[in-house]
Amino acid sequence: MPKKKAFALRLDEQMMKALEKWAADEFRSTNGQLEWIIREALKKSGRLPKGEPDNPDTH
């Protein structure tokens, strides 16, 4: 499993509520949902680092 780095992220309350609902709808944790969103954006833009799996289990 790749090493993960923690960092603080500030979101306004409405955005956080929307993110939490989206995560729950897809049976993911909020953190897992953020990882999925970022990975999808990196993949779409062709910036996914080499060796990173396209669809890791982020639940």
PDB file of N, CA and C in Angstrom:
ATOM      1  N   MET A   1       0.849  -1.180   0.000  1.00  0.00           N
ATOM      2  CA  MET A   1       0.000   0.000   0.000  1.00  0.00           C
ATOM      3  C   MET A   1       0.892   1.240   0.000  1.00  0.00           C
ATOM      4  N   PRO A   2       0.605   2.206  -0.875  1.00  0.00           N
ATOM      5  CA  PRO A   2       1.425   3.419  -0.930  1.00  0.00           C
ATOM      6  C   PRO A   2       1.340   4.215   0.370  1.00  0.00           C
ATOM      7  N   LYS A   3       2.422   4.873   0.697  1.00  0.00           N
ATOM      8  CA  LYS A   3       2.447   5.730   1.886  1.00  0.00           C
ATOM      9  C   LYS A   3       1.571   6.951   1.630  1.00  0.00           C
ATOM     10  N   LYS A   4       0.786   7.325   2.621  1.00  0.00           N
ATOM     11  CA  LYS A   4      -0.107   8.473   2.483  1.00  0.00           C
ATOM     12  C   LYS A   4       0.383   9.610   3.359  1.00  0.00           C
ATOM     13  N   LYS A   5       0.149  10.826   2.895  1.00  0.00           N
ATOM     14  CA  LYS A   5       0.551  12.025   3.612  1.00  0.00           C
ATOM     15  C   LYS A   5      -0.699  12.793   4.022  1.00  0.00           C
ATOM     16  N   ALA A   6      -0.768  13.170   5.271  1.00  0.00           N
ATOM     17  CA  ALA A   6      -1.913  13.926   5.780  1.00  0.00           C
ATOM     18  C   ALA A   6      -1.707  15.416   5.538  1.00  0.00           C
ATOM     19  N   PHE A   7      -2.825  16.126   5.317  1.00  0.00           N
ATOM     20  CA  PHE A   7      -2.776  17.581   5.208  1.00  0.00           C
ATOM     21  C   PHE A   7      -4.142  18.142   5.568  1.00  0.00           C
ATOM     22  N   ALA A   8      -4.156  19.376   5.970  1.00  0.00           N
ATOM     23  CA  ALA A   8      -5.423  20.036   6.349  1.00  0.00           C
ATOM     24  C   ALA A   8      -6.099  20.608   5.111  1.00  0.00           C
ATOM     25  N   LEU A   9      -7.407  20.525   5.093  1.00  0.00           N
ATOM     26  CA  LEU A   9      -8.182  21.073   3.991  1.00  0.00           C
ATOM     27  C   LEU A   9      -9.357  21.836   4.591  1.00  0.00           C
ATOM     28  N   ARG A  10      -9.516  23.059   4.187  1.00  0.00           N
ATOM     29  CA  ARG A  10     -10.630  23.866   4.677  1.00  0.00           C
ATOM     30  C   ARG A  10     -11.711  23.947   3.603  1.00  0.00           C
ATOM     31  N   LEU A  11     -12.926  23.567   3.981  1.00  0.00           N
ATOM     32  CA  LEU A  11     -14.079  23.657   3.089  1.00  0.00           C
ATOM     33  C   LEU A  11     -15.189  24.394   3.822  1.00  0.00           C
ATOM     34  N   ASP A  12     -15.987  25.144   3.077  1.00  0.00           N
ATOM     35  CA  ASP A  12     -17.119  25.775   3.749  1.00  0.00           C
ATOM     36  C   ASP A  12     -18.145  24.700   4.105  1.00  0.00           C
ATOM     37  N   GLU A  13     -19.031  25.040   5.011  1.00  0.00           N
ATOM     38  CA  GLU A  13     -19.970  24.065   5.570  1.00  0.00           C
ATOM     39  C   GLU A  13     -20.858  23.419   4.507  1.00  0.00           C
ATOM     40  N   GLN A  14     -21.366  24.200   3.565  1.00  0.00           N
ATOM     41  CA  GLN A  14     -22.236  23.640   2.517  1.00  0.00           C
ATOM     42  C   GLN A  14     -21.482  22.660   1.626  1.00  0.00           C
ATOM     43  N   MET A  15     -20.249  23.000   1.278  1.00  0.00           N
ATOM     44  CA  MET A  15     -19.452  22.115   0.437  1.00  0.00           C
ATOM     45  C   MET A  15     -19.151  20.808   1.183  1.00  0.00           C
ATOM     46  N   MET A  16     -18.847  20.913   2.471  1.00  0.00           N
ATOM     47  CA  MET A  16     -18.546  19.729   3.262  1.00  0.00           C
ATOM     48  C   MET A  16     -19.772  18.826   3.373  1.00  0.00           C
ATOM     49  N   LYS A  17     -20.936  19.411   3.598  1.00  0.00           N
ATOM     50  CA  LYS A  17     -22.167  18.618   3.673  1.00  0.00           C
ATOM     51  C   LYS A  17     -22.434  17.903   2.350  1.00  0.00           C
ATOM     52  N   ALA A  18     -22.241  18.598   1.244  1.00  0.00           N
ATOM     53  CA  ALA A  18     -22.443  17.985  -0.076  1.00  0.00           C
ATOM     54  C   ALA A  18     -21.454  16.847  -0.304  1.00  0.00           C
ATOM     55  N   LEU A  19     -20.213  17.058   0.095  1.00  0.00           N
ATOM     56  CA  LEU A  19     -19.185  16.021  -0.049  1.00  0.00           C
ATOM     57  C   LEU A  19     -19.518  14.801   0.806  1.00  0.00           C
ATOM     58  N   GLU A  20     -19.943  15.026   2.051  1.00  0.00           N
ATOM     59  CA  GLU A  20     -20.301  13.920   2.937  1.00  0.00           C
ATOM     60  C   GLU A  20     -21.480  13.124   2.378  1.00  0.00           C
ATOM     61  N   LYS A  21     -22.466  13.817   1.817  1.00  0.00           N
ATOM     62  CA  LYS A  21     -23.610  13.115   1.223  1.00  0.00           C
ATOM     63  C   LYS A  21     -23.189  12.305   0.008  1.00  0.00           C
ATOM     64  N   TRP A  22     -22.370  12.886  -0.850  1.00  0.00           N
ATOM     65  CA  TRP A  22     -21.882  12.190  -2.039  1.00  0.00           C
ATOM     66  C   TRP A  22     -21.113  10.943  -1.610  1.00  0.00           C
ATOM     67  N   ALA A  23     -20.253  11.075  -0.630  1.00  0.00           N
ATOM     68  CA  ALA A  23     -19.482   9.936  -0.139  1.00  0.00           C
ATOM     69  C   ALA A  23     -20.418   8.848   0.392  1.00  0.00           C
ATOM     70  N   ALA A  24     -21.395   9.232   1.184  1.00  0.00           N
ATOM     71  CA  ALA A  24     -22.339   8.255   1.736  1.00  0.00           C
ATOM     72  C   ALA A  24     -23.128   7.564   0.624  1.00  0.00           C
ATOM     73  N   ASP A  25     -23.530   8.325  -0.382  1.00  0.00           N
ATOM     74  CA  ASP A  25     -24.275   7.749  -1.511  1.00  0.00           C
ATOM     75  C   ASP A  25     -23.464   6.682  -2.245  1.00  0.00           C
ATOM     76  N   GLU A  26     -22.155   6.816  -2.232  1.00  0.00           N
ATOM     77  CA  GLU A  26     -21.275   5.876  -2.936  1.00  0.00           C
ATOM     78  C   GLU A  26     -20.568   4.921  -1.977  1.00  0.00           C
ATOM     79  N   PHE A  27     -21.039   4.887  -0.719  1.00  0.00           N
ATOM     80  CA  PHE A  27     -20.503   3.980   0.299  1.00  0.00           C
ATOM     81  C   PHE A  27     -19.003   4.154   0.518  1.00  0.00           C
ATOM     82  N   ARG A  28     -18.560   5.409   0.526  1.00  0.00           N
ATOM     83  CA  ARG A  28     -17.165   5.742   0.784  1.00  0.00           C
ATOM     84  C   ARG A  28     -17.098   6.632   2.015  1.00  0.00           C
ATOM     85  N   SER A  29     -15.925   6.670   2.620  1.00  0.00           N
ATOM     86  CA  SER A  29     -15.679   7.670   3.656  1.00  0.00           C
ATOM     87  C   SER A  29     -15.494   9.006   2.948  1.00  0.00           C
ATOM     88  N   THR A  30     -15.586  10.079   3.711  1.00  0.00           N
ATOM     89  CA  THR A  30     -15.361  11.402   3.123  1.00  0.00           C
ATOM     90  C   THR A  30     -13.943  11.482   2.565  1.00  0.00           C
ATOM     91  N   ASN A  31     -12.974  10.977   3.308  1.00  0.00           N
ATOM     92  CA  ASN A  31     -11.594  10.985   2.837  1.00  0.00           C
ATOM     93  C   ASN A  31     -11.448  10.148   1.557  1.00  0.00           C
ATOM     94  N   GLY A  32     -12.068   8.978   1.556  1.00  0.00           N
ATOM     95  CA  GLY A  32     -12.017   8.120   0.371  1.00  0.00           C
ATOM     96  C   GLY A  32     -12.633   8.790  -0.844  1.00  0.00           C
ATOM     97  N   GLN A  33     -13.718   9.539  -0.617  1.00  0.00           N
ATOM     98  CA  GLN A  33     -14.355  10.260  -1.719  1.00  0.00           C
ATOM     99  C   GLN A  33     -13.424  11.327  -2.277  1.00  0.00           C
ATOM    100  N   LEU A  34     -12.759  12.068  -1.382  1.00  0.00           N
ATOM    101  CA  LEU A  34     -11.804  13.091  -1.841  1.00  0.00           C
ATOM    102  C   LEU A  34     -10.670  12.451  -2.641  1.00  0.00           C
ATOM    103  N   GLU A  35     -10.164  11.319  -2.167  1.00  0.00           N
ATOM    104  CA  GLU A  35      -9.106  10.620  -2.911  1.00  0.00           C
ATOM    105  C   GLU A  35      -9.606  10.217  -4.296  1.00  0.00           C
ATOM    106  N   TRP A  36     -10.834   9.701  -4.364  1.00  0.00           N
ATOM    107  CA  TRP A  36     -11.402   9.281  -5.637  1.00  0.00           C
ATOM    108  C   TRP A  36     -11.546  10.472  -6.592  1.00  0.00           C
ATOM    109  N   ILE A  37     -12.077  11.592  -6.082  1.00  0.00           N
ATOM    110  CA  ILE A  37     -12.257  12.795  -6.904  1.00  0.00           C
ATOM    111  C   ILE A  37     -10.911  13.272  -7.461  1.00  0.00           C
ATOM    112  N   ILE A  38      -9.920  13.323  -6.603  1.00  0.00           N
ATOM    113  CA  ILE A  38      -8.597  13.791  -7.035  1.00  0.00           C
ATOM    114  C   ILE A  38      -7.976  12.828  -8.036  1.00  0.00           C
ATOM    115  N   ARG A  39      -8.084  11.508  -7.764  1.00  0.00           N
ATOM    116  CA  ARG A  39      -7.514  10.510  -8.689  1.00  0.00           C
ATOM    117  C   ARG A  39      -8.192  10.605 -10.063  1.00  0.00           C
ATOM    118  N   GLU A  40      -9.518  10.757 -10.074  1.00  0.00           N
ATOM    119  CA  GLU A  40     -10.238  10.878 -11.350  1.00  0.00           C
ATOM    120  C   GLU A  40      -9.803  12.129 -12.115  1.00  0.00           C
ATOM    121  N   ALA A  41      -9.628  13.236 -11.412  1.00  0.00           N
ATOM    122  CA  ALA A  41      -9.178  14.468 -12.071  1.00  0.00           C
ATOM    123  C   ALA A  41      -7.766  14.299 -12.622  1.00  0.00           C
ATOM    124  N   LEU A  42      -6.890  13.658 -11.861  1.00  0.00           N
ATOM    125  CA  LEU A  42      -5.517  13.420 -12.332  1.00  0.00           C
ATOM    126  C   LEU A  42      -5.519  12.501 -13.554  1.00  0.00           C
ATOM    127  N   LYS A  43      -6.342  11.450 -13.501  1.00  0.00           N
ATOM    128  CA  LYS A  43      -6.420  10.513 -14.630  1.00  0.00           C
ATOM    129  C   LYS A  43      -6.942  11.222 -15.875  1.00  0.00           C
ATOM    130  N   LYS A  44      -8.021  11.997 -15.709  1.00  0.00           N
ATOM    131  CA  LYS A  44      -8.643  12.702 -16.840  1.00  0.00           C
ATOM    132  C   LYS A  44      -7.671  13.686 -17.494  1.00  0.00           C
ATOM    133  N   SER A  45      -6.836  14.321 -16.684  1.00  0.00           N
ATOM    134  CA  SER A  45      -5.896  15.310 -17.218  1.00  0.00           C
ATOM    135  C   SER A  45      -4.570  14.694 -17.669  1.00  0.00           C
ATOM    136  N   GLY A  46      -4.442  13.364 -17.531  1.00  0.00           N
ATOM    137  CA  GLY A  46      -3.208  12.699 -17.925  1.00  0.00           C
ATOM    138  C   GLY A  46      -2.069  12.945 -16.953  1.00  0.00           C
ATOM    139  N   ARG A  47      -2.378  13.283 -15.723  1.00  0.00           N
ATOM    140  CA  ARG A  47      -1.364  13.599 -14.725  1.00  0.00           C
ATOM    141  C   ARG A  47      -1.254  12.556 -13.622  1.00  0.00           C
ATOM    142  N   LEU A  48      -1.940  11.423 -13.755  1.00  0.00           N
ATOM    143  CA  LEU A  48      -1.847  10.371 -12.752  1.00  0.00           C
ATOM    144  C   LEU A  48      -0.414   9.850 -12.741  1.00  0.00           C
ATOM    145  N   PRO A  49       0.239   9.874 -11.576  1.00  0.00           N
ATOM    146  CA  PRO A  49       1.632   9.422 -11.522  1.00  0.00           C
ATOM    147  C   PRO A  49       1.788   7.985 -12.025  1.00  0.00           C
ATOM    148  N   LYS A  50       2.898   7.715 -12.689  1.00  0.00           N
ATOM    149  CA  LYS A  50       3.171   6.369 -13.200  1.00  0.00           C
ATOM    150  C   LYS A  50       3.201   5.379 -12.044  1.00  0.00           C
ATOM    151  N   GLY A  51       2.626   4.206 -12.278  1.00  0.00           N
ATOM    152  CA  GLY A  51       2.590   3.177 -11.267  1.00  0.00           C
ATOM    153  C   GLY A  51       1.387   3.254 -10.348  1.00  0.00           C
ATOM    154  N   GLU A  52       0.578   4.316 -10.472  1.00  0.00           N
ATOM    155  CA  GLU A  52      -0.624   4.427  -9.647  1.00  0.00           C
ATOM    156  C   GLU A  52      -1.737   3.622 -10.311  1.00  0.00           C
ATOM    157  N   PRO A  53      -2.414   2.787  -9.541  1.00  0.00           N
ATOM    158  CA  PRO A  53      -3.538   2.039 -10.124  1.00  0.00           C
ATOM    159  C   PRO A  53      -4.682   2.976 -10.484  1.00  0.00           C
ATOM    160  N   ASP A  54      -5.399   2.644 -11.558  1.00  0.00           N
ATOM    161  CA  ASP A  54      -6.516   3.486 -12.000  1.00  0.00           C
ATOM    162  C   ASP A  54      -7.695   3.438 -11.043  1.00  0.00           C
ATOM    163  N   ASN A  55      -7.956   2.292 -10.454  1.00  0.00           N
ATOM    164  CA  ASN A  55      -9.137   2.131  -9.607  1.00  0.00           C
ATOM    165  C   ASN A  55      -8.805   1.418  -8.303  1.00  0.00           C
ATOM    166  N   PRO A  56      -8.015   2.049  -7.439  1.00  0.00           N
ATOM    167  CA  PRO A  56      -7.720   1.379  -6.163  1.00  0.00           C
ATOM    168  C   PRO A  56      -8.938   1.386  -5.269  1.00  0.00           C
ATOM    169  N   ASP A  57      -8.969   0.496  -4.313  1.00  0.00           N
ATOM    170  CA  ASP A  57     -10.075   0.450  -3.368  1.00  0.00           C
ATOM    171  C   ASP A  57      -9.896   1.585  -2.384  1.00  0.00           C
ATOM    172  N   THR A  58     -10.732   2.631  -2.494  1.00  0.00           N
ATOM    173  CA  THR A  58     -10.610   3.796  -1.625  1.00  0.00           C
ATOM    174  C   THR A  58     -11.754   3.874  -0.633  1.00  0.00           C
ATOM    175  N   HIS A  59     -12.431   2.788  -0.391  1.00  0.00           N
ATOM    176  CA  HIS A  59     -13.546   2.787   0.580  1.00  0.00           C
ATOM    177  C   HIS A  59     -13.031   2.802   1.968  1.00  0.00           C
TER     178      HIS A  59
END
